[in-house]
C-alpha cells in the first residue's frame, strides 16, 4: 500500500459526516426516556460512527504495529 500524506475532499467530508452521526447517536443514547436496549443500540452505533471517522488513524496505528 502506498503512503499518502494528503486526504481528498471526499475523504474529509465523509470523516466529518461519520463524526457528526456518531455525535448525534451518542446524544440519542444519553436520552433518559429511552429503554436500555435502545440506548445500547444507539451507543454501539455511535461507537461505530466514531471508529469510521477515525479510520485513517486506526489504519496508521495498525500499519505501525504490524
N, C-alpha and C. Protein backbone atom coordinates (compact mmCIF):
# COMPACT_ATOMS: atom_id res chain seq x y z
N UNK A 1 0.85 -1.17 0.00
CA UNK A 1 0.00 0.00 0.00
C UNK A 1 0.89 1.24 0.00
N UNK A 2 0.55 2.21 -0.84
CA UNK A 2 1.34 3.43 -0.91
C UNK A 2 0.95 4.37 0.22
N UNK A 3 1.91 5.17 0.61
CA UNK A 3 1.67 6.12 1.70
C UNK A 3 1.33 7.48 1.10
N UNK A 4 0.17 8.02 1.49
CA UNK A 4 -0.25 9.33 1.03
C UNK A 4 -0.27 10.28 2.21
N UNK A 5 0.11 11.52 1.95
CA UNK A 5 0.11 12.50 3.04
C UNK A 5 -1.12 13.40 2.99
N UNK A 6 -1.80 13.48 1.84
CA UNK A 6 -2.97 14.35 1.72
C UNK A 6 -4.24 13.52 1.57
N UNK A 7 -5.29 14.00 2.15
CA UNK A 7 -6.60 13.36 2.04
C UNK A 7 -7.42 14.11 0.99
N UNK A 8 -8.26 13.37 0.28
CA UNK A 8 -9.11 14.01 -0.71
C UNK A 8 -10.26 14.73 -0.02
N UNK A 9 -10.92 15.58 -0.77
CA UNK A 9 -12.07 16.31 -0.23
C UNK A 9 -13.16 15.33 0.19
N UNK A 10 -13.39 14.30 -0.62
CA UNK A 10 -14.41 13.31 -0.28
C UNK A 10 -14.10 12.58 1.01
N UNK A 11 -12.83 12.28 1.24
CA UNK A 11 -12.44 11.61 2.49
C UNK A 11 -12.65 12.52 3.69
N UNK A 12 -12.36 13.79 3.54
CA UNK A 12 -12.58 14.73 4.65
C UNK A 12 -14.07 14.90 4.94
N UNK A 13 -14.87 14.98 3.88
CA UNK A 13 -16.31 15.13 4.07
C UNK A 13 -16.89 13.90 4.75
N UNK A 14 -16.51 12.71 4.29
CA UNK A 14 -17.06 11.50 4.90
C UNK A 14 -16.62 11.36 6.35
N UNK A 15 -15.41 11.79 6.67
CA UNK A 15 -14.95 11.76 8.06
C UNK A 15 -15.82 12.66 8.93
N UNK A 16 -16.13 13.85 8.43
CA UNK A 16 -16.98 14.77 9.20
C UNK A 16 -18.40 14.22 9.34
N UNK A 17 -18.92 13.59 8.30
CA UNK A 17 -20.27 13.01 8.37
C UNK A 17 -20.31 11.88 9.39
N UNK A 18 -19.29 10.99 9.37
CA UNK A 18 -19.24 9.90 10.34
C UNK A 18 -19.14 10.45 11.77
N UNK A 19 -18.31 11.46 11.98
CA UNK A 19 -18.16 12.03 13.32
C UNK A 19 -19.46 12.70 13.76
N UNK A 20 -20.11 13.42 12.85
CA UNK A 20 -21.38 14.06 13.19
C UNK A 20 -22.47 13.06 13.51
N UNK A 21 -22.53 11.99 12.74
CA UNK A 21 -23.51 10.94 13.02
C UNK A 21 -23.23 10.27 14.35
N UNK A 22 -21.96 10.05 14.65
CA UNK A 22 -21.59 9.47 15.95
C UNK A 22 -22.03 10.37 17.10
N UNK A 23 -21.85 11.68 16.92
CA UNK A 23 -22.27 12.61 17.98
C UNK A 23 -23.79 12.61 18.16
N UNK A 24 -24.52 12.60 17.05
CA UNK A 24 -25.98 12.58 17.15
C UNK A 24 -26.48 11.29 17.79
N UNK A 25 -25.88 10.17 17.41
CA UNK A 25 -26.29 8.91 18.02
C UNK A 25 -25.95 8.87 19.51
N UNK A 26 -24.81 9.44 19.88
CA UNK A 26 -24.44 9.47 21.30
C UNK A 26 -25.41 10.36 22.08
N UNK A 27 -25.81 11.48 21.49
CA UNK A 27 -26.81 12.32 22.16
C UNK A 27 -28.12 11.57 22.36
N UNK A 28 -28.51 10.79 21.36
CA UNK A 28 -29.72 9.98 21.49
C UNK A 28 -29.57 8.93 22.57
N UNK A 29 -28.37 8.36 22.68
CA UNK A 29 -28.13 7.32 23.69
C UNK A 29 -28.18 7.90 25.11
N UNK A 30 -27.97 9.19 25.25
CA UNK A 30 -28.00 9.82 26.57
C UNK A 30 -29.40 10.23 27.01
N UNK A 31 -30.39 10.01 26.17
CA UNK A 31 -31.77 10.36 26.48
C UNK A 31 -32.31 9.42 27.57
N UNK A 32 -32.69 9.96 28.73
CA UNK A 32 -33.15 9.08 29.82
C UNK A 32 -34.51 8.43 29.57
N UNK A 33 -35.26 8.91 28.58
CA UNK A 33 -36.58 8.34 28.31
C UNK A 33 -36.51 7.08 27.44
N UNK A 34 -35.33 6.78 26.91
CA UNK A 34 -35.15 5.58 26.07
C UNK A 34 -35.02 4.35 26.96
N UNK A 35 -35.38 3.21 26.40
CA UNK A 35 -35.18 1.96 27.13
C UNK A 35 -33.70 1.60 27.07
N UNK A 36 -33.32 0.66 27.91
CA UNK A 36 -31.91 0.25 27.96
C UNK A 36 -31.46 -0.30 26.61
N UNK A 37 -32.28 -1.10 25.97
CA UNK A 37 -31.93 -1.67 24.68
C UNK A 37 -31.73 -0.61 23.61
N UNK A 38 -32.61 0.39 23.60
CA UNK A 38 -32.47 1.48 22.63
C UNK A 38 -31.20 2.28 22.89
N UNK A 39 -30.92 2.53 24.15
CA UNK A 39 -29.72 3.28 24.50
C UNK A 39 -28.46 2.52 24.13
N UNK A 40 -28.46 1.21 24.35
CA UNK A 40 -27.29 0.40 23.98
C UNK A 40 -27.11 0.38 22.46
N UNK A 41 -28.20 0.23 21.72
CA UNK A 41 -28.11 0.21 20.27
C UNK A 41 -27.58 1.54 19.73
N UNK A 42 -28.07 2.64 20.26
CA UNK A 42 -27.58 3.95 19.84
C UNK A 42 -26.12 4.14 20.25
N UNK A 43 -25.76 3.66 21.42
CA UNK A 43 -24.37 3.77 21.87
C UNK A 43 -23.42 2.98 20.99
N UNK A 44 -23.80 1.77 20.61
CA UNK A 44 -22.95 0.97 19.71
C UNK A 44 -22.87 1.63 18.33
N UNK A 45 -23.97 2.20 17.88
CA UNK A 45 -23.94 2.92 16.61
C UNK A 45 -23.02 4.12 16.66
N UNK A 46 -23.04 4.82 17.80
CA UNK A 46 -22.15 5.98 17.98
C UNK A 46 -20.69 5.54 17.96
N UNK A 47 -20.39 4.43 18.63
CA UNK A 47 -19.01 3.93 18.61
C UNK A 47 -18.58 3.57 17.20
N UNK A 48 -19.49 2.98 16.43
CA UNK A 48 -19.18 2.67 15.04
C UNK A 48 -18.92 3.92 14.21
N UNK A 49 -19.71 4.95 14.45
CA UNK A 49 -19.51 6.22 13.74
C UNK A 49 -18.17 6.86 14.09
N UNK A 50 -17.82 6.82 15.36
CA UNK A 50 -16.53 7.38 15.78
C UNK A 50 -15.37 6.56 15.21
N UNK A 51 -15.52 5.24 15.18
CA UNK A 51 -14.48 4.39 14.61
C UNK A 51 -14.34 4.65 13.11
N UNK A 52 -15.46 4.86 12.42
CA UNK A 52 -15.41 5.16 10.99
C UNK A 52 -14.74 6.51 10.75
N UNK A 53 -15.01 7.48 11.61
CA UNK A 53 -14.37 8.79 11.48
C UNK A 53 -12.87 8.70 11.72
N UNK A 54 -12.45 7.78 12.55
CA UNK A 54 -11.02 7.63 12.88
C UNK A 54 -10.36 6.53 12.06
N UNK A 55 -10.96 6.16 10.93
CA UNK A 55 -10.46 5.02 10.17
C UNK A 55 -9.03 5.22 9.68
N UNK A 56 -8.65 6.44 9.31
CA UNK A 56 -7.28 6.67 8.83
C UNK A 56 -6.28 6.60 9.97
N UNK A 57 -6.66 7.11 11.13
CA UNK A 57 -5.80 7.00 12.30
C UNK A 57 -5.64 5.54 12.72
N UNK A 58 -6.74 4.80 12.71
CA UNK A 58 -6.69 3.38 13.07
C UNK A 58 -5.81 2.62 12.08
N UNK A 59 -5.94 2.92 10.78
CA UNK A 59 -5.13 2.24 9.76
C UNK A 59 -3.65 2.56 9.95
N UNK A 60 -3.33 3.81 10.29
CA UNK A 60 -1.93 4.18 10.50
C UNK A 60 -1.36 3.48 11.73
N UNK A 61 -2.15 3.40 12.80
CA UNK A 61 -1.68 2.71 14.01
C UNK A 61 -1.51 1.23 13.74
N UNK A 62 -2.43 0.65 12.97
CA UNK A 62 -2.35 -0.77 12.64
C UNK A 62 -1.09 -1.04 11.79
N UNK A 63 -0.83 -0.17 10.81
CA UNK A 63 0.35 -0.35 9.96
C UNK A 63 1.64 -0.20 10.76
N UNK A 64 1.66 0.71 11.72
CA UNK A 64 2.85 0.88 12.55
C UNK A 64 3.05 -0.33 13.46
N UNK A 65 1.95 -0.90 13.97
CA UNK A 65 2.05 -2.05 14.87
C UNK A 65 2.53 -3.29 14.13
N UNK A 66 2.06 -3.47 12.89
CA UNK A 66 2.45 -4.63 12.10
C UNK A 66 3.86 -4.46 11.69
